[in-house]
Amino acid sequence: MVQTLQAKNVTLGELSDRFNLELTEDEQFFPEWQVDLTEITAAEKQRLDRVKSSFSNLLEYPPLLEDTVKMVVLSPLLDMADFYLPPFHIKSEPSIEITTEDGGMIIRGQLDVLALCKQVWVVSIESKNAEFSLEAGRAQLLSYMLANPKSALSTFGLLTNGSSFRFVKLVSQPAPRYGLSRVFDLFNPGHDLYEVLKILKYLGQMTDQGK
């Protein structure tokens, strides 16, 4: 009997069992978030400082809704990383479906936020889920990434709850494996938001060049 699951309800265990998806801790697997990245400009730092101040202000007036996180934090980041310009394009809430090779499971769902050129995915965690935990969205993000039609290429994802950010890399062939970056937090000393923008820009350049 074929089992059908909604993407937002799927677990990491189910992805592992059905798709042989594995987490790798090999430091060489995901170098893209650790490379020597181009420094951002003073104007970009100033704008990110304003994003941080805006988000801090919103925290004073809970509950913080998912749409607010998208508007205040994600939209400026994606704009500064040039994801709103050609050759990139935004698809809001596209439907996805993935199946196991033996047809034993179907996962259906709609992307909560964005798909960019089918190689960079962004998922915003709903504030009501696990007290903003990034882990609440990891399996959901991986489900969308597994549905990438360009499976021969590396796929990258970003999970955010507004204040914390984690990048994900998935390689589907010969067997699906994924790696994680460290967690970047908006309130860490040193302003991690600067690093998030640097990484987004780098991944965008890679995608633009078809790597």
C-alpha atoms as a PDB file:
ATOM      1  CA  MET A   1       0.000   0.000   0.000  1.00  0.00           C
ATOM      2  CA  VAL A   2       1.346   3.421  -0.966  1.00  0.00           C
ATOM      3  CA  GLN A   3       1.772   5.797   1.987  1.00  0.00           C
ATOM      4  CA  THR A   4       1.138   9.493   1.355  1.00  0.00           C
ATOM      5  CA  LEU A   5       2.597  12.156   3.661  1.00  0.00           C
ATOM      6  CA  GLN A   6       2.477  15.938   3.745  1.00  0.00           C
ATOM      7  CA  ALA A   7       5.938  17.489   3.535  1.00  0.00           C
ATOM      8  CA  LYS A   8       5.495  19.516   6.707  1.00  0.00           C
ATOM      9  CA  ASN A   9       4.694  16.314   8.644  1.00  0.00           C
ATOM     10  CA  VAL A  10       7.504  14.119   7.334  1.00  0.00           C
ATOM     11  CA  THR A  11      10.313  13.123   9.729  1.00  0.00           C
ATOM     12  CA  LEU A  12      14.041  12.701   9.213  1.00  0.00           C
ATOM     13  CA  GLY A  13      13.626   9.028  10.081  1.00  0.00           C
ATOM     14  CA  GLU A  14      11.105   8.530   7.277  1.00  0.00           C
ATOM     15  CA  LEU A  15      13.387  10.256   4.761  1.00  0.00           C
ATOM     16  CA  SER A  16      16.254   8.064   5.903  1.00  0.00           C
ATOM     17  CA  ASP A  17      14.251   4.840   5.734  1.00  0.00           C
ATOM     18  CA  ARG A  18      12.534   5.485   2.415  1.00  0.00           C
ATOM     19  CA  PHE A  19      15.125   7.452   0.452  1.00  0.00           C
ATOM     20  CA  ASN A  20      18.342   6.277   2.132  1.00  0.00           C
ATOM     21  CA  LEU A  21      19.063   9.904   2.975  1.00  0.00           C
ATOM     22  CA  GLU A  22      22.099  10.276   5.226  1.00  0.00           C
ATOM     23  CA  LEU A  23      23.654  13.142   7.140  1.00  0.00           C
ATOM     24  CA  THR A  24      27.392  13.436   6.588  1.00  0.00           C
ATOM     25  CA  GLU A  25      29.731  15.177   9.013  1.00  0.00           C
ATOM     26  CA  ASP A  26      32.621  15.147   6.558  1.00  0.00           C
ATOM     27  CA  GLU A  27      34.024  18.699   6.681  1.00  0.00           C
ATOM     28  CA  GLN A  28      35.017  18.441   3.005  1.00  0.00           C
ATOM     29  CA  PHE A  29      31.433  17.756   1.903  1.00  0.00           C
ATOM     30  CA  PHE A  30      30.114  21.281   2.439  1.00  0.00           C
ATOM     31  CA  PRO A  31      32.978  23.776   1.981  1.00  0.00           C
ATOM     32  CA  GLU A  32      30.768  26.446   0.385  1.00  0.00           C
ATOM     33  CA  TRP A  33      29.841  28.102   3.684  1.00  0.00           C
ATOM     34  CA  GLN A  34      33.451  28.111   4.909  1.00  0.00           C
ATOM     35  CA  VAL A  35      35.371  29.434   1.905  1.00  0.00           C
ATOM     36  CA  ASP A  36      37.079  32.826   1.834  1.00  0.00           C
ATOM     37  CA  LEU A  37      34.023  34.929   1.043  1.00  0.00           C
ATOM     38  CA  THR A  38      33.939  38.393  -0.489  1.00  0.00           C
ATOM     39  CA  GLU A  39      33.489  41.132   2.089  1.00  0.00           C
ATOM     40  CA  ILE A  40      30.190  43.003   1.985  1.00  0.00           C
ATOM     41  CA  THR A  41      30.044  46.787   1.639  1.00  0.00           C
ATOM     42  CA  ALA A  42      29.612  49.367   4.381  1.00  0.00           C
ATOM     43  CA  ALA A  43      26.167  50.209   2.962  1.00  0.00           C
ATOM     44  CA  GLU A  44      25.113  46.546   3.141  1.00  0.00           C
ATOM     45  CA  LYS A  45      26.325  46.309   6.743  1.00  0.00           C
ATOM     46  CA  GLN A  46      24.330  49.404   7.599  1.00  0.00           C
ATOM     47  CA  ARG A  47      21.196  47.912   6.068  1.00  0.00           C
ATOM     48  CA  LEU A  48      21.705  44.625   7.927  1.00  0.00           C
ATOM     49  CA  ASP A  49      22.148  46.557  11.167  1.00  0.00           C
ATOM     50  CA  ARG A  50      18.742  48.075  10.478  1.00  0.00           C
ATOM     51  CA  VAL A  51      17.258  44.594   9.845  1.00  0.00           C
ATOM     52  CA  LYS A  52      18.629  43.452  13.210  1.00  0.00           C
ATOM     53  CA  SER A  53      17.168  46.492  14.972  1.00  0.00           C
ATOM     54  CA  SER A  54      13.796  45.967  13.297  1.00  0.00           C
ATOM     55  CA  PHE A  55      13.657  42.306  14.292  1.00  0.00           C
ATOM     56  CA  SER A  56      14.681  43.155  17.863  1.00  0.00           C
ATOM     57  CA  ASN A  57      11.815  45.620  18.023  1.00  0.00           C
ATOM     58  CA  LEU A  58       9.329  43.008  16.767  1.00  0.00           C
ATOM     59  CA  LEU A  59      10.361  40.610  19.533  1.00  0.00           C
ATOM     60  CA  GLU A  60       8.969  43.082  22.027  1.00  0.00           C
ATOM     61  CA  TYR A  61       5.475  42.500  20.653  1.00  0.00           C
ATOM     62  CA  PRO A  62       4.757  38.738  20.336  1.00  0.00           C
ATOM     63  CA  PRO A  63       3.529  36.627  18.716  1.00  0.00           C
ATOM     64  CA  LEU A  64       5.897  37.008  15.788  1.00  0.00           C
ATOM     65  CA  LEU A  65       4.147  35.666  12.685  1.00  0.00           C
ATOM     66  CA  GLU A  66       5.842  33.824   9.820  1.00  0.00           C
ATOM     67  CA  ASP A  67       4.820  36.454   7.260  1.00  0.00           C
ATOM     68  CA  THR A  68       6.430  39.130   9.428  1.00  0.00           C
ATOM     69  CA  VAL A  69       9.716  37.219   9.480  1.00  0.00           C
ATOM     70  CA  LYS A  70       9.629  36.988   5.687  1.00  0.00           C
ATOM     71  CA  MET A  71       8.962  40.695   5.313  1.00  0.00           C
ATOM     72  CA  VAL A  72      11.429  42.036   7.872  1.00  0.00           C
ATOM     73  CA  VAL A  73      14.346  39.573   7.618  1.00  0.00           C
ATOM     74  CA  LEU A  74      14.187  37.364   4.522  1.00  0.00           C
ATOM     75  CA  SER A  75      13.149  39.917   1.939  1.00  0.00           C
ATOM     76  CA  PRO A  76      16.063  42.327   2.596  1.00  0.00           C
ATOM     77  CA  LEU A  77      18.559  39.437   2.628  1.00  0.00           C
ATOM     78  CA  LEU A  78      17.364  38.030  -0.688  1.00  0.00           C
ATOM     79  CA  ASP A  79      17.283  41.487  -2.224  1.00  0.00           C
ATOM     80  CA  MET A  80      20.868  42.253  -1.188  1.00  0.00           C
ATOM     81  CA  ALA A  81      21.978  38.852  -2.495  1.00  0.00           C
ATOM     82  CA  ASP A  82      20.418  39.752  -5.905  1.00  0.00           C
ATOM     83  CA  PHE A  83      17.945  36.869  -5.869  1.00  0.00           C
ATOM     84  CA  TYR A  84      15.189  39.125  -7.182  1.00  0.00           C
ATOM     85  CA  LEU A  85      17.146  39.856 -10.378  1.00  0.00           C
ATOM     86  CA  PRO A  86      17.686  37.761 -13.550  1.00  0.00           C
ATOM     87  CA  PRO A  87      18.536  34.959 -14.021  1.00  0.00           C
ATOM     88  CA  PHE A  88      16.798  34.151 -10.730  1.00  0.00           C
ATOM     89  CA  HIS A  89      13.073  34.007 -10.244  1.00  0.00           C
ATOM     90  CA  ILE A  90      10.761  33.482  -7.309  1.00  0.00           C
ATOM     91  CA  LYS A  91       8.014  30.887  -7.216  1.00  0.00           C
ATOM     92  CA  SER A  92       5.708  31.268  -4.269  1.00  0.00           C
ATOM     93  CA  GLU A  93       4.212  28.079  -2.868  1.00  0.00           C
ATOM     94  CA  PRO A  94       4.932  25.678  -5.753  1.00  0.00           C
ATOM     95  CA  SER A  95       3.625  22.172  -5.180  1.00  0.00           C
ATOM     96  CA  ILE A  96       6.107  19.310  -4.924  1.00  0.00           C
ATOM     97  CA  GLU A  97       5.849  15.544  -4.975  1.00  0.00           C
ATOM     98  CA  ILE A  98       8.527  12.910  -4.477  1.00  0.00           C
ATOM     99  CA  THR A  99       8.220   9.128  -4.485  1.00  0.00           C
ATOM    100  CA  THR A 100      10.427   6.225  -3.488  1.00  0.00           C
ATOM    101  CA  GLU A 101      11.804   4.021  -6.238  1.00  0.00           C
ATOM    102  CA  ASP A 102       9.498   1.174  -5.247  1.00  0.00           C
ATOM    103  CA  GLY A 103       6.503   3.492  -5.019  1.00  0.00           C
ATOM    104  CA  GLY A 104       6.072   2.792  -1.331  1.00  0.00           C
ATOM    105  CA  MET A 105       5.782   6.421  -0.274  1.00  0.00           C
ATOM    106  CA  ILE A 106       4.612   9.697  -1.781  1.00  0.00           C
ATOM    107  CA  ILE A 107       5.392  13.020  -0.127  1.00  0.00           C
ATOM    108  CA  ARG A 108       3.308  15.995  -1.193  1.00  0.00           C
ATOM    109  CA  GLY A 109       3.502  19.571  -0.091  1.00  0.00           C
ATOM    110  CA  GLN A 110       3.806  23.239  -0.889  1.00  0.00           C
ATOM    111  CA  LEU A 111       6.915  25.279  -0.295  1.00  0.00           C
ATOM    112  CA  ASP A 112       6.344  27.702   2.557  1.00  0.00           C
ATOM    113  CA  VAL A 113       8.543  30.417   1.139  1.00  0.00           C
ATOM    114  CA  LEU A 114      10.591  30.367  -2.028  1.00  0.00           C
ATOM    115  CA  ALA A 115      12.343  28.357  -4.708  1.00  0.00           C
ATOM    116  CA  LEU A 116      15.171  30.086  -6.568  1.00  0.00           C
ATOM    117  CA  CYS A 117      16.303  28.486  -9.834  1.00  0.00           C
ATOM    118  CA  LYS A 118      15.488  25.096  -8.271  1.00  0.00           C
ATOM    119  CA  GLN A 119      18.958  24.984  -6.707  1.00  0.00           C
ATOM    120  CA  VAL A 120      18.524  27.269  -3.714  1.00  0.00           C
ATOM    121  CA  TRP A 121      15.576  26.718  -1.401  1.00  0.00           C
ATOM    122  CA  VAL A 122      14.508  28.865   1.546  1.00  0.00           C
ATOM    123  CA  VAL A 123      12.138  27.757   4.299  1.00  0.00           C
ATOM    124  CA  SER A 124      10.885  30.000   7.082  1.00  0.00           C
ATOM    125  CA  ILE A 125       9.870  28.234  10.295  1.00  0.00           C
ATOM    126  CA  GLU A 126       6.467  29.097  11.664  1.00  0.00           C
ATOM    127  CA  SER A 127       6.801  30.788  15.052  1.00  0.00           C
ATOM    128  CA  LYS A 128       4.385  28.320  16.641  1.00  0.00           C
ATOM    129  CA  ASN A 129       6.553  25.323  15.726  1.00  0.00           C
ATOM    130  CA  ALA A 130       8.877  24.050  18.454  1.00  0.00           C
ATOM    131  CA  GLU A 131       9.452  27.519  19.849  1.00  0.00           C
ATOM    132  CA  PHE A 132      11.203  28.720  16.704  1.00  0.00           C
ATOM    133  CA  SER A 133      13.512  25.656  16.521  1.00  0.00           C
ATOM    134  CA  LEU A 134      15.281  25.283  13.189  1.00  0.00           C
ATOM    135  CA  GLU A 135      14.986  21.521  13.580  1.00  0.00           C
ATOM    136  CA  ALA A 136      11.229  21.852  13.106  1.00  0.00           C
ATOM    137  CA  GLY A 137      11.832  22.570   9.417  1.00  0.00           C
ATOM    138  CA  ARG A 138      14.861  20.438   8.508  1.00  0.00           C
ATOM    139  CA  ALA A 139      12.920  17.408   7.223  1.00  0.00           C
ATOM    140  CA  GLN A 140      10.496  19.652   5.332  1.00  0.00           C
ATOM    141  CA  LEU A 141      13.331  21.536   3.629  1.00  0.00           C
ATOM    142  CA  LEU A 142      15.072  18.280   2.677  1.00  0.00           C
ATOM    143  CA  SER A 143      11.816  16.985   1.174  1.00  0.00           C
ATOM    144  CA  TYR A 144      11.689  19.946  -1.194  1.00  0.00           C
ATOM    145  CA  MET A 145      15.377  19.623  -2.014  1.00  0.00           C
ATOM    146  CA  LEU A 146      14.947  15.914  -2.843  1.00  0.00           C
ATOM    147  CA  ALA A 147      12.293  16.920  -5.371  1.00  0.00           C
ATOM    148  CA  ASN A 148      14.812  19.039  -7.289  1.00  0.00           C
ATOM    149  CA  PRO A 149      14.501  18.138 -10.997  1.00  0.00           C
ATOM    150  CA  LYS A 150      18.204  18.951 -11.540  1.00  0.00           C
ATOM    151  CA  SER A 151      19.249  16.125  -9.265  1.00  0.00           C
ATOM    152  CA  ALA A 152      22.723  15.858 -10.808  1.00  0.00           C
ATOM    153  CA  LEU A 153      23.583  19.240  -9.288  1.00  0.00           C
ATOM    154  CA  SER A 154      24.230  20.088  -5.668  1.00  0.00           C
ATOM    155  CA  THR A 155      21.238  21.755  -4.032  1.00  0.00           C
ATOM    156  CA  PHE A 156      21.429  24.289  -1.226  1.00  0.00           C
ATOM    157  CA  GLY A 157      18.887  25.338   1.346  1.00  0.00           C
ATOM    158  CA  LEU A 158      18.486  27.899   4.086  1.00  0.00           C
ATOM    159  CA  LEU A 159      16.413  27.426   7.225  1.00  0.00           C
ATOM    160  CA  THR A 160      15.549  30.485   9.273  1.00  0.00           C
ATOM    161  CA  ASN A 161      13.238  31.446  12.087  1.00  0.00           C
ATOM    162  CA  GLY A 162      14.136  35.101  11.836  1.00  0.00           C
ATOM    163  CA  SER A 163      16.945  35.164  14.384  1.00  0.00           C
ATOM    164  CA  SER A 164      18.807  31.923  13.540  1.00  0.00           C
ATOM    165  CA  PHE A 165      20.008  30.597  10.185  1.00  0.00           C
ATOM    166  CA  ARG A 166      21.402  27.247   9.010  1.00  0.00           C
ATOM    167  CA  PHE A 167      22.524  26.300   5.505  1.00  0.00           C
ATOM    168  CA  VAL A 168      22.026  22.815   4.062  1.00  0.00           C
ATOM    169  CA  LYS A 169      23.730  21.113   1.111  1.00  0.00           C
ATOM    170  CA  LEU A 170      22.221  18.062  -0.589  1.00  0.00           C
ATOM    171  CA  VAL A 171      23.857  15.801  -3.156  1.00  0.00           C
ATOM    172  CA  SER A 172      21.382  13.288  -4.612  1.00  0.00           C
ATOM    173  CA  GLN A 173      23.691  11.048  -6.651  1.00  0.00           C
ATOM    174  CA  PRO A 174      24.785   8.319  -6.366  1.00  0.00           C
ATOM    175  CA  ALA A 175      22.909   8.267  -3.035  1.00  0.00           C
ATOM    176  CA  PRO A 176      21.322  11.226  -1.252  1.00  0.00           C
ATOM    177  CA  ARG A 177      23.565  12.809   1.382  1.00  0.00           C
ATOM    178  CA  TYR A 178      23.344  16.145   3.092  1.00  0.00           C
ATOM    179  CA  GLY A 179      25.538  18.334   5.252  1.00  0.00           C
ATOM    180  CA  LEU A 180      24.857  21.235   7.602  1.00  0.00           C
ATOM    181  CA  SER A 181      26.551  24.524   8.319  1.00  0.00           C
ATOM    182  CA  ARG A 182      26.888  25.836  11.822  1.00  0.00           C
ATOM    183  CA  VAL A 183      23.952  27.836  13.154  1.00  0.00           C
ATOM    184  CA  PHE A 184      24.282  31.571  12.573  1.00  0.00           C
ATOM    185  CA  ASP A 185      22.398  33.728  15.048  1.00  0.00           C
ATOM    186  CA  LEU A 186      21.419  37.343  14.587  1.00  0.00           C
ATOM    187  CA  PHE A 187      22.287  38.129  18.208  1.00  0.00           C
ATOM    188  CA  ASN A 188      25.710  36.451  18.320  1.00  0.00           C
ATOM    189  CA  PRO A 189      28.684  38.755  18.912  1.00  0.00           C
ATOM    190  CA  GLY A 190      30.196  39.874  15.622  1.00  0.00           C
ATOM    191  CA  HIS A 191      26.893  40.130  13.715  1.00  0.00           C
ATOM    192  CA  ASP A 192      26.371  36.739  12.044  1.00  0.00           C
ATOM    193  CA  LEU A 193      23.913  38.340   9.634  1.00  0.00           C
ATOM    194  CA  TYR A 194      26.918  39.670   7.714  1.00  0.00           C
ATOM    195  CA  GLU A 195      28.127  36.090   7.215  1.00  0.00           C
ATOM    196  CA  VAL A 196      24.674  34.892   6.124  1.00  0.00           C
ATOM    197  CA  LEU A 197      24.596  37.507   3.372  1.00  0.00           C
ATOM    198  CA  LYS A 198      28.121  36.590   2.224  1.00  0.00           C
ATOM    199  CA  ILE A 199      27.131  32.924   1.913  1.00  0.00           C
ATOM    200  CA  LEU A 200      23.883  33.726   0.090  1.00  0.00           C
ATOM    201  CA  LYS A 201      25.804  35.837  -2.407  1.00  0.00           C
ATOM    202  CA  TYR A 202      28.322  33.059  -2.969  1.00  0.00           C
ATOM    203  CA  LEU A 203      25.635  30.403  -3.509  1.00  0.00           C
ATOM    204  CA  GLY A 204      23.833  32.751  -5.887  1.00  0.00           C
ATOM    205  CA  GLN A 205      26.988  33.215  -7.931  1.00  0.00           C
ATOM    206  CA  MET A 206      27.502  29.446  -8.083  1.00  0.00           C
ATOM    207  CA  THR A 207      23.931  28.905  -9.268  1.00  0.00           C
ATOM    208  CA  ASP A 208      24.222  31.698 -11.833  1.00  0.00           C
ATOM    209  CA  GLN A 209      27.320  30.042 -13.266  1.00  0.00           C
ATOM    210  CA  GLY A 210      25.590  26.647 -13.385  1.00  0.00           C
ATOM    211  CA  LYS A 211      28.025  24.929 -11.025  1.00  0.00           C
END
